[in-house]
């Protein structure tokens, strides 16, 4: 997953009219951002699990717990990354999210 350096790592105040401008409705914009944030979170979780799987130790002995410095560094890297919601907002404001409205077919 590629994340821009300009994506903020902490919460910032947003202009609601700027968020609502692409869709014309703040609630639609919020739903688009929320769905994209869920996708990003799932991708990040899969990526982290793949990396940590390399360090998995399948022993039945609970007394043998090894601290692996590389594993700790990987975990710290993911903790320092911007949250999925902040990434989704950045993508939305930079027109990097494709979305479409479902057409309603009402028969008369």
N, C-alpha and C. Protein backbone atom coordinates (compact mmCIF):
# COMPACT_ATOMS: atom_id res chain seq x y z
N UNK A 1 0.84 -1.17 0.00
CA UNK A 1 0.00 0.00 0.00
C UNK A 1 0.88 1.23 0.00
N UNK A 2 0.60 2.11 -0.92
CA UNK A 2 1.39 3.33 -1.06
C UNK A 2 0.66 4.49 -0.41
N UNK A 3 1.35 5.17 0.51
CA UNK A 3 0.76 6.29 1.22
C UNK A 3 1.64 7.52 1.00
N UNK A 4 0.99 8.63 0.65
CA UNK A 4 1.72 9.87 0.43
C UNK A 4 2.27 10.42 1.74
N UNK A 5 3.41 11.06 1.63
CA UNK A 5 4.02 11.70 2.81
C UNK A 5 3.19 12.87 3.31
N UNK A 6 2.39 13.49 2.42
CA UNK A 6 1.61 14.66 2.81
C UNK A 6 0.35 14.31 3.60
N UNK A 7 0.00 13.03 3.66
CA UNK A 7 -1.18 12.63 4.43
C UNK A 7 -0.91 12.88 5.90
N UNK A 8 -1.77 13.64 6.58
CA UNK A 8 -1.52 13.93 8.00
C UNK A 8 -1.65 12.68 8.85
N UNK A 9 -0.88 12.62 9.91
CA UNK A 9 -0.94 11.47 10.81
C UNK A 9 -1.84 11.72 12.02
N UNK A 10 -2.35 12.93 12.13
CA UNK A 10 -3.27 13.21 13.23
C UNK A 10 -4.49 13.96 12.68
N UNK A 11 -5.48 14.07 13.49
CA UNK A 11 -6.74 14.66 13.08
C UNK A 11 -6.59 16.15 12.82
N UNK A 12 -7.19 16.61 11.72
CA UNK A 12 -7.18 18.03 11.40
C UNK A 12 -8.62 18.48 11.15
N UNK A 13 -8.85 19.76 11.30
CA UNK A 13 -10.18 20.31 11.06
C UNK A 13 -10.41 20.38 9.56
N UNK A 14 -11.60 19.96 9.13
CA UNK A 14 -11.94 19.94 7.70
C UNK A 14 -13.08 20.90 7.43
N UNK A 15 -13.09 21.44 6.23
CA UNK A 15 -14.16 22.31 5.78
C UNK A 15 -15.27 21.43 5.21
N UNK A 16 -16.44 21.47 5.82
CA UNK A 16 -17.55 20.61 5.42
C UNK A 16 -18.00 20.90 4.00
N UNK A 17 -18.01 22.16 3.62
CA UNK A 17 -18.45 22.48 2.25
C UNK A 17 -17.48 21.92 1.22
N UNK A 18 -16.20 21.87 1.56
CA UNK A 18 -15.22 21.29 0.66
C UNK A 18 -15.43 19.78 0.53
N UNK A 19 -15.79 19.12 1.62
CA UNK A 19 -16.06 17.68 1.57
C UNK A 19 -17.34 17.38 0.81
N UNK A 20 -18.33 18.25 0.93
CA UNK A 20 -19.62 18.01 0.29
C UNK A 20 -19.62 18.40 -1.19
N UNK A 21 -18.67 19.18 -1.62
CA UNK A 21 -18.66 19.70 -2.98
C UNK A 21 -18.68 18.62 -4.07
N UNK A 22 -17.87 17.57 -4.02
CA UNK A 22 -17.88 16.59 -5.12
C UNK A 22 -19.22 15.87 -5.30
N UNK A 23 -19.94 15.61 -4.22
CA UNK A 23 -21.19 14.86 -4.32
C UNK A 23 -22.42 15.75 -4.21
N UNK A 24 -22.26 16.93 -3.62
CA UNK A 24 -23.39 17.80 -3.39
C UNK A 24 -24.12 17.50 -2.09
N UNK A 25 -23.65 16.50 -1.36
CA UNK A 25 -24.31 16.10 -0.12
C UNK A 25 -23.24 15.60 0.84
N UNK A 26 -23.17 16.18 2.04
CA UNK A 26 -22.14 15.81 3.01
C UNK A 26 -22.31 14.37 3.47
N UNK A 27 -23.53 13.87 3.52
CA UNK A 27 -23.77 12.50 3.98
C UNK A 27 -23.26 11.48 2.94
N UNK A 28 -23.46 11.78 1.66
CA UNK A 28 -22.93 10.90 0.62
C UNK A 28 -21.40 10.90 0.66
N UNK A 29 -20.83 12.07 0.83
CA UNK A 29 -19.37 12.16 0.92
C UNK A 29 -18.85 11.37 2.11
N UNK A 30 -19.53 11.49 3.25
CA UNK A 30 -19.11 10.76 4.45
C UNK A 30 -19.19 9.25 4.24
N UNK A 31 -20.22 8.79 3.55
CA UNK A 31 -20.35 7.35 3.29
C UNK A 31 -19.28 6.86 2.32
N UNK A 32 -18.96 7.65 1.32
CA UNK A 32 -17.90 7.27 0.38
C UNK A 32 -16.57 7.16 1.12
N UNK A 33 -16.29 8.15 1.96
CA UNK A 33 -15.05 8.15 2.72
C UNK A 33 -15.02 6.97 3.69
N UNK A 34 -16.14 6.68 4.35
CA UNK A 34 -16.20 5.58 5.31
C UNK A 34 -15.97 4.23 4.63
N UNK A 35 -16.59 4.04 3.47
CA UNK A 35 -16.41 2.77 2.75
C UNK A 35 -14.97 2.60 2.29
N UNK A 36 -14.36 3.69 1.81
CA UNK A 36 -12.97 3.61 1.38
C UNK A 36 -12.05 3.37 2.58
N UNK A 37 -12.35 3.98 3.72
CA UNK A 37 -11.54 3.77 4.92
C UNK A 37 -11.60 2.31 5.36
N UNK A 38 -12.76 1.68 5.24
CA UNK A 38 -12.88 0.25 5.57
C UNK A 38 -12.03 -0.60 4.64
N UNK A 39 -12.02 -0.25 3.35
CA UNK A 39 -11.19 -0.98 2.39
C UNK A 39 -9.71 -0.83 2.73
N UNK A 40 -9.29 0.39 3.05
CA UNK A 40 -7.89 0.65 3.38
C UNK A 40 -7.50 -0.11 4.65
N UNK A 41 -8.37 -0.10 5.65
CA UNK A 41 -8.08 -0.80 6.90
C UNK A 41 -7.91 -2.30 6.66
N UNK A 42 -8.76 -2.87 5.82
CA UNK A 42 -8.66 -4.30 5.51
C UNK A 42 -7.35 -4.60 4.78
N UNK A 43 -6.97 -3.74 3.83
CA UNK A 43 -5.71 -3.92 3.10
C UNK A 43 -4.52 -3.84 4.05
N UNK A 44 -4.54 -2.86 4.94
CA UNK A 44 -3.44 -2.69 5.89
C UNK A 44 -3.34 -3.89 6.82
N UNK A 45 -4.48 -4.40 7.27
CA UNK A 45 -4.49 -5.55 8.17
C UNK A 45 -3.93 -6.79 7.48
N UNK A 46 -4.33 -7.02 6.23
CA UNK A 46 -3.81 -8.16 5.49
C UNK A 46 -2.31 -8.04 5.27
N UNK A 47 -1.86 -6.85 4.93
CA UNK A 47 -0.44 -6.62 4.70
C UNK A 47 0.37 -6.85 5.98
N UNK A 48 -0.12 -6.33 7.09
CA UNK A 48 0.56 -6.52 8.37
C UNK A 48 0.58 -7.99 8.76
N UNK A 49 -0.53 -8.69 8.59
CA UNK A 49 -0.58 -10.11 8.94
C UNK A 49 0.38 -10.93 8.09
N UNK A 50 0.50 -10.59 6.79
CA UNK A 50 1.46 -11.30 5.93
C UNK A 50 2.89 -11.10 6.43
N UNK A 51 3.20 -9.87 6.82
CA UNK A 51 4.57 -9.59 7.29
C UNK A 51 4.85 -10.26 8.63
N UNK A 52 3.86 -10.26 9.52
CA UNK A 52 4.07 -10.87 10.83
C UNK A 52 4.03 -12.40 10.77
N UNK A 53 3.41 -12.94 9.73
CA UNK A 53 3.34 -14.39 9.56
C UNK A 53 4.74 -14.98 9.41
N UNK A 54 5.66 -14.21 8.86
CA UNK A 54 7.03 -14.68 8.70
C UNK A 54 7.69 -14.97 10.05
N UNK A 55 7.22 -14.33 11.09
CA UNK A 55 7.82 -14.49 12.41
C UNK A 55 7.05 -15.47 13.29
N UNK A 56 6.01 -16.07 12.74
CA UNK A 56 5.16 -16.96 13.54
C UNK A 56 5.98 -18.15 14.02
N UNK A 57 5.79 -18.48 15.27
CA UNK A 57 6.46 -19.61 15.88
C UNK A 57 5.38 -20.55 16.39
N UNK A 58 5.24 -21.69 15.75
CA UNK A 58 4.17 -22.62 16.11
C UNK A 58 4.68 -23.67 17.09
N UNK A 59 4.81 -23.25 18.34
CA UNK A 59 5.19 -24.18 19.39
C UNK A 59 4.09 -24.22 20.43
N UNK A 60 3.98 -25.34 21.09
CA UNK A 60 2.96 -25.50 22.11
C UNK A 60 3.43 -25.04 23.47
N UNK A 61 4.68 -24.69 23.59
CA UNK A 61 5.24 -24.28 24.86
C UNK A 61 5.04 -22.78 25.04
N UNK A 62 4.24 -22.39 26.01
CA UNK A 62 3.96 -20.98 26.26
C UNK A 62 5.12 -20.27 26.94
N UNK A 63 6.04 -21.04 27.51
CA UNK A 63 7.16 -20.41 28.20
C UNK A 63 8.17 -19.82 27.22
N UNK A 64 8.19 -20.32 26.02
CA UNK A 64 9.14 -19.84 25.03
C UNK A 64 8.53 -18.70 24.22
N UNK A 65 8.74 -17.50 24.68
CA UNK A 65 8.28 -16.32 23.96
C UNK A 65 9.51 -15.52 23.59
N UNK A 66 9.70 -15.36 22.30
CA UNK A 66 10.89 -14.64 21.82
C UNK A 66 10.47 -13.26 21.35
N UNK A 67 11.27 -12.28 21.72
CA UNK A 67 11.05 -10.93 21.20
C UNK A 67 11.93 -10.74 19.99
N UNK A 68 11.33 -10.49 18.89
CA UNK A 68 12.06 -10.30 17.66
C UNK A 68 12.05 -8.81 17.34
N UNK A 69 13.23 -8.23 17.24
CA UNK A 69 13.36 -6.80 17.00
C UNK A 69 12.72 -6.39 15.68
N UNK A 70 12.87 -7.21 14.63
CA UNK A 70 12.26 -6.89 13.34
C UNK A 70 10.74 -6.86 13.43
N UNK A 71 10.20 -7.79 14.17
CA UNK A 71 8.74 -7.84 14.35
C UNK A 71 8.24 -6.60 15.09
N UNK A 72 8.97 -6.17 16.08
CA UNK A 72 8.61 -4.97 16.84
C UNK A 72 8.68 -3.74 15.95
N UNK A 73 9.71 -3.65 15.12
CA UNK A 73 9.86 -2.51 14.22
C UNK A 73 8.72 -2.46 13.19
N UNK A 74 8.32 -3.61 12.67
CA UNK A 74 7.20 -3.65 11.71
C UNK A 74 5.93 -3.17 12.40
N UNK A 75 5.69 -3.62 13.60
CA UNK A 75 4.49 -3.20 14.34
C UNK A 75 4.52 -1.70 14.61
N UNK A 76 5.65 -1.18 14.99
CA UNK A 76 5.76 0.26 15.26
C UNK A 76 5.56 1.07 13.98
N UNK A 77 6.04 0.56 12.85
CA UNK A 77 5.85 1.25 11.58
C UNK A 77 4.36 1.40 11.28
N UNK A 78 3.60 0.32 11.46
CA UNK A 78 2.17 0.37 11.17
C UNK A 78 1.42 1.23 12.19
N UNK A 79 1.91 1.33 13.40
CA UNK A 79 1.28 2.20 14.39
C UNK A 79 1.49 3.67 14.05
N UNK A 80 2.62 4.00 13.42
CA UNK A 80 2.92 5.39 13.06
C UNK A 80 2.25 5.83 11.77
N UNK A 81 1.75 4.91 11.00
CA UNK A 81 1.11 5.24 9.72
C UNK A 81 -0.17 6.04 9.98
N UNK A 82 -0.57 6.85 9.01
CA UNK A 82 -1.84 7.58 9.15
C UNK A 82 -3.00 6.59 9.23
N UNK A 83 -4.02 6.98 9.95
CA UNK A 83 -5.20 6.13 10.10
C UNK A 83 -5.93 6.01 8.76
N UNK A 84 -6.63 4.90 8.56
CA UNK A 84 -7.34 4.70 7.28
C UNK A 84 -8.32 5.82 6.94
N UNK A 85 -8.97 6.40 7.92
CA UNK A 85 -9.91 7.49 7.66
C UNK A 85 -9.20 8.71 7.10
N UNK A 86 -8.03 9.03 7.64
CA UNK A 86 -7.27 10.18 7.14
C UNK A 86 -6.78 9.94 5.72
N UNK A 87 -6.39 8.71 5.43
CA UNK A 87 -5.96 8.38 4.07
C UNK A 87 -7.14 8.51 3.11
N UNK A 88 -8.31 8.00 3.52
CA UNK A 88 -9.51 8.05 2.68
C UNK A 88 -9.93 9.50 2.41
N UNK A 89 -9.87 10.35 3.42
CA UNK A 89 -10.22 11.76 3.23
C UNK A 89 -9.26 12.41 2.25
N UNK A 90 -7.97 12.12 2.39
CA UNK A 90 -6.98 12.68 1.48
C UNK A 90 -7.23 12.22 0.05
N UNK A 91 -7.54 10.95 -0.13
CA UNK A 91 -7.85 10.43 -1.47
C UNK A 91 -9.12 11.08 -2.03
N UNK A 92 -10.13 11.26 -1.19
CA UNK A 92 -11.39 11.85 -1.63
C UNK A 92 -11.19 13.29 -2.08
N UNK A 93 -10.44 14.06 -1.30
CA UNK A 93 -10.22 15.46 -1.63
C UNK A 93 -9.33 15.62 -2.87
N UNK A 94 -8.50 14.63 -3.18
CA UNK A 94 -7.63 14.69 -4.35
C UNK A 94 -8.21 13.91 -5.54
N UNK A 95 -9.50 13.60 -5.49
CA UNK A 95 -10.22 12.90 -6.57
C UNK A 95 -9.56 11.59 -6.99
N UNK A 96 -9.12 10.80 -6.02
CA UNK A 96 -8.50 9.50 -6.30
C UNK A 96 -9.44 8.33 -6.00
N UNK A 97 -10.67 8.64 -5.65
CA UNK A 97 -11.65 7.59 -5.35
C UNK A 97 -12.70 7.58 -6.45
N UNK A 98 -12.94 6.41 -7.02
CA UNK A 98 -14.00 6.27 -8.00
C UNK A 98 -15.26 5.85 -7.26
N UNK A 99 -16.34 6.56 -7.50
CA UNK A 99 -17.62 6.20 -6.90
C UNK A 99 -18.72 6.52 -7.91
N UNK A 100 -19.84 5.85 -7.73
CA UNK A 100 -20.98 6.10 -8.61
C UNK A 100 -22.25 5.92 -7.80
N UNK A 101 -23.30 6.58 -8.25
CA UNK A 101 -24.59 6.45 -7.60
C UNK A 101 -25.34 5.29 -8.24
N UNK A 102 -26.01 4.54 -7.43
CA UNK A 102 -26.87 3.48 -7.96
C UNK A 102 -28.13 4.12 -8.50
N UNK A 103 -28.46 3.79 -9.73
CA UNK A 103 -29.66 4.33 -10.35
C UNK A 103 -30.89 3.62 -9.78
N UNK A 104 -31.89 4.41 -9.46
CA UNK A 104 -33.12 3.81 -8.93
C UNK A 104 -34.08 3.55 -10.09
N UNK A 105 -34.51 2.33 -10.17
CA UNK A 105 -35.44 1.92 -11.23
C UNK A 105 -36.84 1.75 -10.61
N UNK A 106 -37.61 2.78 -10.68
CA UNK A 106 -38.96 2.70 -10.12
C UNK A 106 -39.94 2.52 -11.26
N UNK A 107 -40.66 1.42 -11.20
CA UNK A 107 -41.65 1.14 -12.23
C UNK A 107 -42.97 1.78 -11.86
N UNK A 108 -43.59 2.39 -12.83
CA UNK A 108 -44.88 3.04 -12.56
C UNK A 108 -46.00 2.27 -13.20
